[in-house]
């Protein structure tokens, strides 16, 4: 099957000849590698994924009729051995493996590296909930770290403009795939933490992809830069089923970049609707209060007090005069009672006055300034004083 260079052939003829060579030469293949970017197609149920090693990769297809007998569902990072054959699709000029059987032989190298770093950072406490910071409810400025050429930034700005147009978007470009992606992501995080920037929140965003495509977000340097950030970080990497080390370190994980915008920004339309409801409720409460006060004023206006003020005042003055006279009588009775009490007390004091007894002929005998009330207290020779009504005489007992 030699091809003459001076005789051009069509692309279809070239692919047909290559297909013939490949499928005849590789009627059966037995290949070991790591699964990546696994997808189960719906509704057909066919499996599509990449089989790779450290240097190369190849597409694999496993039809539903075959994979239903497999007994397990392959996953990204799984190390497997595949039996199959090479198929070339001439219309697209690509070839792949059509798998007949898959046997699991463990975890692939990338998955092992992922689990090792995850366990290391977990033990260091980088995933602890106490280190997670709350995302501001109404962010005024949001820094987003992603590629400037992808659809992520466009979708993020579109959703932000729809939900909360007051927010300022600060976009820092960084490659999100490839050899230099991790250093660029770290640099961008540090830039957004500078005093002249420091937005309310940082979003690290990238669309979906295989484990290799997302590997920059599994680098230790990126994880530590997120942990060291003074600004809260939201991780929005890949699709909902994709998990990276960034997701565990970040303050909040969003399943997709679009979902990150939904989680971060309140819906301005809902806020306006809430404000309108509050406004309506407030107006209703004010109207009810005014109506209640007006009814009270109407009742007061119709009351007897306002209609007959003269009668009310006359009645008040009559009662005041009545109570004044009653109070005066009470005071007079109290004064009379106190006066009688004082007179009685005066008579009592006067009755027990010893001077009165002296005038009646009694006397008081004292010895050494002490009153003698018993003759047995005196002895012959004692000097005494005898007090009479008009004088005091000294005497001596003989």
Protein backbone atom coordinates (compact mmCIF):
# COMPACT_ATOMS: atom_id res chain seq x y z
CA UNK A 1 0.00 0.00 0.00
CA UNK A 2 2.63 2.52 -1.12
CA UNK A 3 1.50 6.10 -1.69
CA UNK A 4 2.96 7.82 -4.72
CA UNK A 5 3.92 11.42 -3.81
CA UNK A 6 3.29 12.55 -7.39
CA UNK A 7 -0.26 11.29 -7.25
CA UNK A 8 -2.32 13.37 -4.79
CA UNK A 9 -5.18 11.70 -2.95
CA UNK A 10 -8.14 13.10 -1.06
CA UNK A 11 -8.33 13.50 2.71
CA UNK A 12 -10.98 10.81 2.81
CA UNK A 13 -8.71 8.41 0.93
CA UNK A 14 -5.82 9.17 3.29
CA UNK A 15 -7.91 8.57 6.40
CA UNK A 16 -9.37 5.40 4.92
CA UNK A 17 -5.89 4.02 4.24
CA UNK A 18 -4.68 4.97 7.77
CA UNK A 19 -7.79 3.33 9.24
CA UNK A 20 -7.07 0.15 7.32
CA UNK A 21 -3.48 0.06 8.59
CA UNK A 22 -4.37 0.80 12.23
CA UNK A 23 -7.31 -1.57 12.52
CA UNK A 24 -5.42 -4.40 10.81
CA UNK A 25 -2.26 -3.83 12.85
CA UNK A 26 -4.01 -3.29 16.23
CA UNK A 27 -6.86 -5.75 16.17
CA UNK A 28 -6.54 -6.03 19.97
CA UNK A 29 -4.93 -3.73 22.58
CA UNK A 30 -4.28 -4.22 26.29
CA UNK A 31 -3.49 -0.83 27.83
CA UNK A 32 -2.84 0.45 31.37
CA UNK A 33 -3.43 4.06 32.38
CA UNK A 34 -5.37 6.53 34.49
CA UNK A 35 -8.94 7.62 33.77
CA UNK A 36 -9.60 11.31 33.31
CA UNK A 37 -12.53 13.48 32.22
CA UNK A 38 -14.98 10.59 32.56
CA UNK A 39 -18.49 11.19 31.19
CA UNK A 40 -21.54 8.97 30.95
CA UNK A 41 -23.65 10.17 28.05
CA UNK A 42 -27.36 10.59 28.58
CA UNK A 43 -29.65 9.17 27.35
CA UNK A 44 -27.48 6.75 25.38
CA UNK A 45 -25.56 5.46 28.44
CA UNK A 46 -22.22 5.22 26.57
CA UNK A 47 -18.95 5.91 28.47
CA UNK A 48 -16.46 8.46 27.15
CA UNK A 49 -13.15 9.25 28.87
CA UNK A 50 -9.43 9.81 28.49
CA UNK A 51 -6.83 7.17 29.33
CA UNK A 52 -3.50 8.76 30.17
CA UNK A 53 -0.08 8.36 31.69
CA UNK A 54 2.53 10.97 32.55
CA UNK A 55 3.42 11.66 28.90
CA UNK A 56 0.47 10.87 26.66
CA UNK A 57 -3.26 10.23 26.44
CA UNK A 58 -5.87 8.63 24.21
CA UNK A 59 -9.66 8.85 23.96
CA UNK A 60 -11.69 5.78 24.98
CA UNK A 61 -15.27 4.82 24.17
CA UNK A 62 -17.24 2.04 25.84
CA UNK A 63 -20.68 1.36 24.42
CA UNK A 64 -23.68 0.88 26.68
CA UNK A 65 -24.23 -2.73 25.63
CA UNK A 66 -20.73 -3.50 26.95
CA UNK A 67 -20.51 -1.23 30.01
CA UNK A 68 -23.79 -2.57 31.46
CA UNK A 69 -21.89 -5.81 32.20
CA UNK A 70 -18.99 -3.97 33.85
CA UNK A 71 -20.25 -4.10 37.44
CA UNK A 72 -18.91 -0.64 38.45
CA UNK A 73 -18.81 2.91 37.14
CA UNK A 74 -15.33 4.26 36.35
CA UNK A 75 -14.21 7.51 38.01
CA UNK A 76 -11.59 10.15 37.37
CA UNK A 77 -8.25 9.27 38.93
CA UNK A 78 -8.88 5.50 38.77
CA UNK A 79 -5.97 3.40 37.49
CA UNK A 80 -7.24 0.72 35.09
CA UNK A 81 -6.31 -1.87 32.48
CA UNK A 82 -8.40 -1.73 29.31
CA UNK A 83 -9.00 -4.42 26.72
CA UNK A 84 -10.19 -3.17 23.35
CA UNK A 85 -9.34 -2.35 19.79
CA UNK A 86 -8.24 0.73 17.85
CA UNK A 87 -10.89 2.51 15.82
CA UNK A 88 -10.30 5.47 13.49
CA UNK A 89 -13.18 7.74 12.50
CA UNK A 90 -12.27 8.75 8.98
CA UNK A 91 -14.77 11.61 8.80
CA UNK A 92 -12.95 13.44 11.63
CA UNK A 93 -9.50 11.98 11.26
CA UNK A 94 -9.26 10.90 14.92
CA UNK A 95 -8.74 7.51 16.50
CA UNK A 96 -9.54 6.04 19.90
CA UNK A 97 -9.85 2.81 21.82
CA UNK A 98 -13.13 0.96 21.67
CA UNK A 99 -13.12 -0.78 25.08
CA UNK A 100 -14.43 -4.30 25.66
CA UNK A 101 -13.47 -4.58 29.33
CA UNK A 102 -12.08 -2.42 32.16
CA UNK A 103 -10.35 -3.68 35.30
CA UNK A 104 -9.48 -1.41 38.19
CA UNK A 105 -5.91 -1.68 39.49
CA UNK A 106 -5.93 1.14 42.02
CA UNK A 107 -5.72 4.91 42.18
CA UNK A 108 -3.87 6.94 39.59
CA UNK A 109 -0.81 9.05 40.37
CA UNK A 110 -2.64 12.38 40.19
CA UNK A 111 -5.42 11.13 42.44
CA UNK A 112 -2.84 9.85 44.92
CA UNK A 113 -1.10 13.23 44.89
CA UNK A 114 -4.47 14.94 45.41
CA UNK A 115 -5.34 12.76 48.43
CA UNK A 116 -1.85 13.16 49.92
CA UNK A 117 -1.97 16.97 49.78
CA UNK A 118 -5.56 16.99 51.01
CA UNK A 119 -4.63 14.92 54.08
CA UNK A 120 -1.55 17.06 54.75
CA UNK A 121 -3.44 20.35 54.68
CA UNK A 122 -6.32 18.86 56.68
CA UNK A 123 -3.91 17.89 59.48
CA UNK A 124 -2.45 21.41 59.45
CA UNK A 125 -5.94 22.85 59.99
CA UNK A 126 -6.27 24.72 56.69
CA UNK A 127 -9.78 23.31 56.20
CA UNK A 128 -11.07 24.06 59.72
CA UNK A 129 -14.42 25.82 59.92
CA UNK A 130 -13.18 28.33 62.51
CA UNK A 131 -10.93 29.82 59.84
CA UNK A 132 -13.83 30.38 57.42
CA UNK A 133 -14.95 34.00 57.10
CA UNK A 134 -18.43 35.20 56.23
CA UNK A 135 -19.00 36.65 52.78
CA UNK A 136 -20.30 40.26 52.99
CA UNK A 137 -24.01 40.41 52.30
CA UNK A 138 -23.78 43.51 50.10
CA UNK A 139 -20.29 43.57 48.55
CA UNK A 140 -19.35 46.91 47.01
CA UNK A 141 -16.32 45.56 45.14
CA UNK A 142 -15.54 41.99 44.07
CA UNK A 143 -12.23 40.81 42.66
CA UNK A 144 -12.45 37.92 40.23
CA UNK A 145 -9.40 35.90 39.29
CA UNK A 146 -9.80 34.07 35.98
CA UNK A 147 -8.72 34.07 32.35
CA UNK A 148 -9.56 37.17 30.32
CA UNK A 149 -10.41 35.09 27.23
CA UNK A 150 -12.83 32.51 28.61
CA UNK A 151 -16.60 32.66 28.92
CA UNK A 152 -16.36 32.66 32.74
CA UNK A 153 -15.67 36.39 33.12
CA UNK A 154 -18.40 37.31 30.64
CA UNK A 155 -20.99 35.16 32.40
CA UNK A 156 -19.93 36.45 35.81
CA UNK A 157 -20.25 40.10 34.75
CA UNK A 158 -23.59 39.41 33.07
CA UNK A 159 -25.08 37.79 36.19
CA UNK A 160 -23.64 40.50 38.44
CA UNK A 161 -25.14 43.25 36.28
CA UNK A 162 -28.51 41.54 36.46
CA UNK A 163 -28.52 40.77 40.19
CA UNK A 164 -26.58 43.60 41.84
CA UNK A 165 -25.40 46.26 39.36
CA UNK A 166 -24.08 48.53 42.15
CA UNK A 167 -21.07 46.24 42.66
CA UNK A 168 -17.73 47.09 41.06
CA UNK A 169 -16.01 44.12 39.38
CA UNK A 170 -12.21 44.08 39.59
CA UNK A 171 -10.86 41.49 37.13
CA UNK A 172 -7.30 40.16 37.51
CA UNK A 173 -6.18 37.99 34.60
CA UNK A 174 -4.43 34.69 35.32
CA UNK A 175 -3.95 31.56 33.27
CA UNK A 176 -6.09 28.86 34.83
CA UNK A 177 -4.48 25.88 33.11
CA UNK A 178 -0.96 24.87 32.25
CA UNK A 179 2.54 24.89 33.68
CA UNK A 180 2.56 28.55 34.77
CA UNK A 181 -1.04 28.74 35.99
CA UNK A 182 -0.38 28.10 39.68
CA UNK A 183 2.27 30.87 40.05
CA UNK A 184 -0.01 33.31 38.22
CA UNK A 185 -2.95 32.45 40.48
CA UNK A 186 -0.79 33.00 43.58
CA UNK A 187 0.42 36.33 42.19
CA UNK A 188 -3.13 37.46 41.44
CA UNK A 189 -4.29 36.60 44.99
CA UNK A 190 -1.43 38.65 46.44
CA UNK A 191 -2.27 41.59 44.16
CA UNK A 192 -5.89 41.60 45.29
CA UNK A 193 -4.70 41.65 48.92
CA UNK A 194 -2.69 44.85 48.43
CA UNK A 195 -4.08 47.91 50.31
CA UNK A 196 -4.83 49.78 47.10
CA UNK A 197 -7.18 46.99 46.04
CA UNK A 198 -8.56 44.73 48.80
CA UNK A 199 -12.10 44.11 47.49
CA UNK A 200 -14.83 42.80 49.80
CA UNK A 201 -14.43 39.29 48.39
CA UNK A 202 -12.20 37.41 45.91
CA UNK A 203 -13.64 34.87 43.46
CA UNK A 204 -11.32 32.28 41.89
CA UNK A 205 -13.17 30.97 38.85
CA UNK A 206 -12.68 28.48 36.02
CA UNK A 207 -14.93 26.38 33.82
CA UNK A 208 -15.06 22.59 33.88
CA UNK A 209 -12.37 20.20 32.71
CA UNK A 210 -10.47 17.04 33.44
CA UNK A 211 -8.40 16.42 36.56
CA UNK A 212 -5.34 17.55 34.60
CA UNK A 213 -7.07 20.70 33.38
CA UNK A 214 -7.97 21.67 36.95
CA UNK A 215 -4.68 20.60 38.51
CA UNK A 216 -3.44 24.17 39.05
CA UNK A 217 -6.09 24.50 41.74
CA UNK A 218 -4.70 21.43 43.50
CA UNK A 219 -1.25 22.95 43.94
CA UNK A 220 -0.06 23.53 47.52
CA UNK A 221 1.16 27.06 46.74
CA UNK A 222 -2.34 28.08 45.62
CA UNK A 223 -3.96 26.54 48.70
CA UNK A 224 -1.60 28.39 51.06
CA UNK A 225 -2.13 31.69 49.21
CA UNK A 226 -5.90 31.33 49.70
CA UNK A 227 -5.44 30.51 53.39
CA UNK A 228 -3.15 33.54 53.88
CA UNK A 229 -5.55 35.94 52.13
CA UNK A 230 -6.91 38.77 54.28
CA UNK A 231 -9.90 38.97 51.94
CA UNK A 232 -12.59 36.23 51.99
CA UNK A 233 -12.19 33.84 49.05
CA UNK A 234 -14.88 32.02 47.05
CA UNK A 235 -13.78 28.99 45.04
CA UNK A 236 -15.78 28.48 41.83
CA UNK A 237 -13.83 25.82 39.93
CA UNK A 238 -15.26 23.53 37.27
CA UNK A 239 -18.65 21.87 37.51
CA UNK A 240 -20.66 20.73 40.51
CA UNK A 241 -19.00 17.29 40.52
CA UNK A 242 -15.48 18.73 40.39
CA UNK A 243 -13.66 19.17 43.71
CA UNK A 244 -10.26 20.78 44.10
CA UNK A 245 -8.01 21.60 47.07
CA UNK A 246 -9.07 25.23 46.60
CA UNK A 247 -12.66 24.25 47.43
CA UNK A 248 -11.63 22.94 50.86
CA UNK A 249 -9.43 25.93 51.79
CA UNK A 250 -11.70 28.70 50.51
CA UNK A 251 -14.23 30.44 52.76
CA UNK A 252 -17.05 29.39 50.42
CA UNK A 253 -17.33 26.85 47.60
CA UNK A 254 -19.58 27.53 44.63
CA UNK A 255 -20.36 24.58 42.32
CA UNK A 256 -19.80 26.73 39.20
CA UNK A 257 -18.62 30.28 38.40
CA UNK A 258 -22.20 31.29 37.56
CA UNK A 259 -23.41 29.86 40.86
CA UNK A 260 -20.73 31.94 42.63
CA UNK A 261 -22.33 35.13 41.31
CA UNK A 262 -25.73 33.86 42.44
CA UNK A 263 -24.40 33.10 45.94
CA UNK A 264 -22.41 36.31 46.43
CA UNK A 265 -24.81 38.92 45.12
CA UNK A 266 -28.33 39.50 46.40
CA UNK A 267 -30.99 39.89 43.75
CA UNK A 268 -31.70 43.63 43.51
CA UNK A 269 -35.20 42.93 42.20
CA UNK A 270 -35.99 40.84 45.28
CA UNK A 271 -34.53 43.56 47.51
CA UNK A 272 -36.70 46.19 45.85
CA UNK A 273 -39.73 43.96 46.22
CA UNK A 274 -38.93 43.48 49.91
CA UNK A 275 -38.55 47.25 50.38
CA UNK A 276 -41.90 47.80 48.68
CA UNK A 277 -43.55 45.27 51.01
CA UNK A 278 -42.03 47.02 54.02
CA UNK A 279 -43.18 50.36 52.65
CA UNK A 280 -46.71 49.07 52.19
CA UNK A 281 -46.73 47.56 55.69
CA UNK A 282 -45.40 50.80 57.20
CA UNK A 283 -48.04 52.87 55.41
CA UNK A 284 -50.74 50.48 56.62
CA UNK A 285 -49.53 50.72 60.23
CA UNK A 286 -49.38 54.52 60.05
CA UNK A 287 -52.88 54.68 58.53
CA UNK A 288 -54.24 52.42 61.29
CA UNK A 289 -52.55 54.53 63.99
CA UNK A 290 -53.87 57.77 62.53
CA UNK A 291 -57.36 56.29 62.28
CA UNK A 292 -57.20 55.13 65.90
CA UNK A 293 -56.04 58.53 67.14
CA UNK A 294 -58.71 60.28 65.11
CA UNK A 295 -61.39 58.06 66.66
CA UNK A 296 -60.03 58.84 70.11
CA UNK A 297 -60.12 62.57 69.38
CA UNK A 298 -63.70 62.26 68.12
CA UNK A 299 -64.69 60.51 71.36
CA UNK A 300 -63.00 63.18 73.46
CA UNK A 301 -64.69 65.90 71.46
CA UNK A 302 -68.09 64.31 72.12
CA UNK A 303 -67.39 63.71 75.80
CA UNK A 304 -69.20 65.42 78.73
CA UNK A 305 -65.96 67.12 79.81
CA UNK A 306 -65.63 69.23 76.70
CA UNK A 307 -69.37 69.87 76.29
CA UNK A 308 -70.08 71.06 79.93
CA UNK A 309 -66.80 72.58 81.20
CA UNK A 310 -68.65 75.09 83.51
CA UNK A 311 -70.55 72.34 85.30
CA UNK A 312 -67.40 70.31 85.65
CA UNK A 313 -65.55 73.26 87.22
CA UNK A 314 -68.47 74.04 89.62
CA UNK A 315 -68.58 70.43 90.71
CA UNK A 316 -64.83 70.45 91.18
CA UNK A 317 -64.92 73.67 93.30
CA UNK A 318 -67.79 72.27 95.43
CA UNK A 319 -65.81 69.12 96.12
CA UNK A 320 -62.70 71.16 96.84
CA UNK A 321 -64.61 73.32 99.41
CA UNK A 322 -66.12 70.19 101.00
CA UNK A 323 -62.74 68.55 101.44
CA UNK A 324 -61.20 71.78 102.75
CA UNK A 325 -63.82 72.05 105.53
CA UNK A 326 -63.44 68.37 106.33
CA UNK A 327 -59.68 68.81 106.59
CA UNK A 328 -60.09 71.83 108.91
CA UNK A 329 -62.36 69.83 111.26
CA UNK A 330 -59.86 67.00 111.36
CA UNK A 331 -57.04 69.43 112.19
CA UNK A 332 -59.11 71.09 114.96
CA UNK A 333 -59.96 67.72 116.50
CA UNK A 334 -56.34 66.65 116.42
CA UNK A 335 -55.17 69.95 118.03
CA UNK A 336 -57.83 69.67 120.78
CA UNK A 337 -56.79 66.09 121.48
CA UNK A 338 -53.09 67.02 121.65
CA UNK A 339 -53.87 70.02 123.95
CA UNK A 340 -55.76 67.79 126.42
CA UNK A 341 -52.95 65.34 126.41
CA UNK A 342 -50.43 68.04 127.22
CA UNK A 343 -52.56 69.30 130.16
CA UNK A 344 -52.88 65.81 131.58
CA UNK A 345 -49.17 65.27 131.29
CA UNK A 346 -48.51 68.62 132.98
CA UNK A 347 -50.74 67.64 135.92
CA UNK A 348 -48.95 64.33 136.20
CA UNK A 349 -45.51 65.98 136.27
CA UNK A 350 -46.72 68.49 138.81
CA UNK A 351 -48.09 65.68 141.01
CA UNK A 352 -44.79 63.85 141.24
CA UNK A 353 -42.73 67.01 141.97
CA UNK A 354 -40.92 66.43 145.33
CA UNK A 355 -40.97 70.19 146.16
CA UNK A 356 -44.71 69.98 146.69
CA UNK A 357 -44.25 67.27 149.33
CA UNK A 358 -41.70 69.45 151.15
CA UNK A 359 -44.31 72.21 151.41
CA UNK A 360 -46.64 69.74 153.05
CA UNK A 361 -44.16 69.23 155.93
CA UNK A 362 -42.03 66.44 154.54
CA UNK A 363 -38.23 66.64 154.32
CA UNK A 364 -35.45 64.86 152.43
CA UNK A 365 -32.45 63.39 154.30
CA UNK A 366 -29.17 63.03 152.39
CA UNK A 367 -25.88 61.50 153.37
CA UNK A 368 -22.95 62.19 151.11
CA UNK A 369 -25.39 63.50 148.46
CA UNK A 370 -27.37 60.26 148.60
CA UNK A 371 -31.03 60.22 149.68
CA UNK A 372 -31.59 58.16 152.84
CA UNK A 373 -34.88 56.24 152.72
CA UNK A 374 -34.14 53.78 155.56
CA UNK A 375 -33.10 54.73 159.16
CA UNK A 376 -30.91 51.65 159.36
CA UNK A 377 -28.55 53.32 156.90
CA UNK A 378 -27.57 55.90 159.53
CA UNK A 379 -25.09 55.48 162.41
CA UNK A 380 -24.16 57.66 165.36
CA UNK A 381 -21.77 60.40 164.28
CA UNK A 382 -22.99 60.46 160.64
CA UNK A 383 -23.28 63.93 159.19
CA UNK A 384 -26.42 64.47 157.22
CA UNK A 385 -28.31 67.19 155.31
CA UNK A 386 -32.00 67.76 155.81
CA UNK A 387 -33.83 69.56 153.02
CA UNK A 388 -36.97 71.51 153.98
CA UNK A 389 -39.30 73.47 151.74
CA UNK A 390 -37.46 76.72 152.41
CA UNK A 391 -33.90 75.67 153.35
CA UNK A 392 -31.32 72.92 153.88
CA UNK A 393 -29.85 72.20 157.35
CA UNK A 394 -26.82 70.15 158.29
CA UNK A 395 -27.12 67.79 161.28
CA UNK A 396 -25.20 65.04 163.10
CA UNK A 397 -26.57 61.75 164.36
CA UNK A 398 -25.95 61.28 168.13
